[in-house]
């Protein structure tokens, strides 16, 4: 859903040294967003706007805090972003 190019643009990274790291963070972001949002693969693609926002937020947070991320804080922020999907509102 979010490409490497989009993630690098969001992170304002224009070098290729961190490409593997960013791809790994994108994979982690997808898992976290699906888990926190309580979504299967179909729901993940149906909620593209909020999922993209949540994924970019997750990648940005993990990239900037890669030495000591606070996963509880990240999870709470993702819950806020994905509230509608979690509660079945949408």
Protein backbone atom coordinates (compact mmCIF):
# COMPACT_ATOMS: atom_id res chain seq x y z
CA UNK A 1 0.00 0.00 0.00
CA UNK A 2 2.81 2.43 0.84
CA UNK A 3 5.79 2.20 -1.50
CA UNK A 4 9.43 2.65 -0.59
CA UNK A 5 9.46 5.87 -2.62
CA UNK A 6 6.45 7.26 -0.71
CA UNK A 7 7.95 6.30 2.64
CA UNK A 8 11.29 7.90 1.77
CA UNK A 9 9.50 11.06 0.64
CA UNK A 10 7.52 11.13 3.92
CA UNK A 11 10.72 10.61 5.92
CA UNK A 12 12.61 13.11 3.73
CA UNK A 13 15.32 10.56 3.00
CA UNK A 14 17.06 10.96 -0.35
CA UNK A 15 19.85 8.43 0.04
CA UNK A 16 19.71 4.69 -0.55
CA UNK A 17 21.66 3.54 2.51
CA UNK A 18 18.49 3.07 4.59
CA UNK A 19 16.35 1.38 1.93
CA UNK A 20 16.52 -2.06 3.58
CA UNK A 21 15.66 -0.56 6.95
CA UNK A 22 12.71 1.39 5.55
CA UNK A 23 11.39 -1.69 3.73
CA UNK A 24 11.62 -3.62 6.99
CA UNK A 25 9.80 -0.82 8.82
CA UNK A 26 7.06 -0.87 6.16
CA UNK A 27 6.56 -4.61 6.73
CA UNK A 28 6.42 -4.05 10.49
CA UNK A 29 4.01 -1.14 10.03
CA UNK A 30 1.65 -3.32 8.00
CA UNK A 31 1.57 -5.97 10.71
CA UNK A 32 1.07 -3.42 13.49
CA UNK A 33 -1.67 -1.54 11.64
CA UNK A 34 -3.53 -4.77 10.88
CA UNK A 35 -3.22 -5.94 14.48
CA UNK A 36 -4.12 -2.65 16.17
CA UNK A 37 -6.89 -1.97 13.65
CA UNK A 38 -8.22 -5.52 14.03
CA UNK A 39 -8.26 -5.91 10.26
CA UNK A 40 -7.90 -8.80 7.89
CA UNK A 41 -6.35 -8.30 4.46
CA UNK A 42 -9.66 -7.23 2.85
CA UNK A 43 -10.44 -4.68 5.55
CA UNK A 44 -6.87 -3.43 5.30
CA UNK A 45 -7.34 -2.53 1.63
CA UNK A 46 -10.90 -1.22 2.08
CA UNK A 47 -9.75 1.41 4.59
CA UNK A 48 -6.97 2.80 2.42
CA UNK A 49 -6.95 6.40 3.66
CA UNK A 50 -6.67 5.70 7.38
CA UNK A 51 -4.39 2.71 6.77
CA UNK A 52 -1.97 4.82 4.71
CA UNK A 53 -1.91 7.49 7.42
CA UNK A 54 -1.33 4.89 10.12
CA UNK A 55 1.41 3.15 8.14
CA UNK A 56 3.28 6.38 7.39
CA UNK A 57 2.95 7.46 11.02
CA UNK A 58 4.31 4.08 12.16
CA UNK A 59 7.22 4.10 9.74
CA UNK A 60 8.08 7.68 10.74
CA UNK A 61 7.89 6.90 14.44
CA UNK A 62 9.97 3.73 14.18
CA UNK A 63 12.53 5.39 11.90
CA UNK A 64 13.00 8.40 14.16
CA UNK A 65 13.00 6.34 17.37
CA UNK A 66 14.82 3.26 16.10
CA UNK A 67 17.23 3.14 19.02
CA UNK A 68 14.55 3.20 21.73
CA UNK A 69 10.93 3.09 20.52
CA UNK A 70 8.06 3.27 23.02
CA UNK A 71 5.71 0.60 21.65
CA UNK A 72 2.97 1.44 24.14
CA UNK A 73 2.92 5.05 22.95
CA UNK A 74 2.97 3.91 19.32
CA UNK A 75 0.09 1.51 19.97
CA UNK A 76 -2.00 4.20 21.64
CA UNK A 77 -1.43 6.58 18.73
CA UNK A 78 -2.38 3.87 16.24
CA UNK A 79 -5.55 3.17 18.21
CA UNK A 80 -6.49 6.84 17.84
CA UNK A 81 -5.81 6.85 14.10
CA UNK A 82 -7.65 3.56 13.55
CA UNK A 83 -10.50 4.12 16.04
CA UNK A 84 -13.26 3.89 13.43
CA UNK A 85 -11.99 0.58 12.07
CA UNK A 86 -11.40 -0.89 15.54
CA UNK A 87 -14.92 -0.08 16.71
CA UNK A 88 -16.63 -1.08 13.47
CA UNK A 89 -17.87 2.45 12.82
CA UNK A 90 -16.86 2.41 9.16
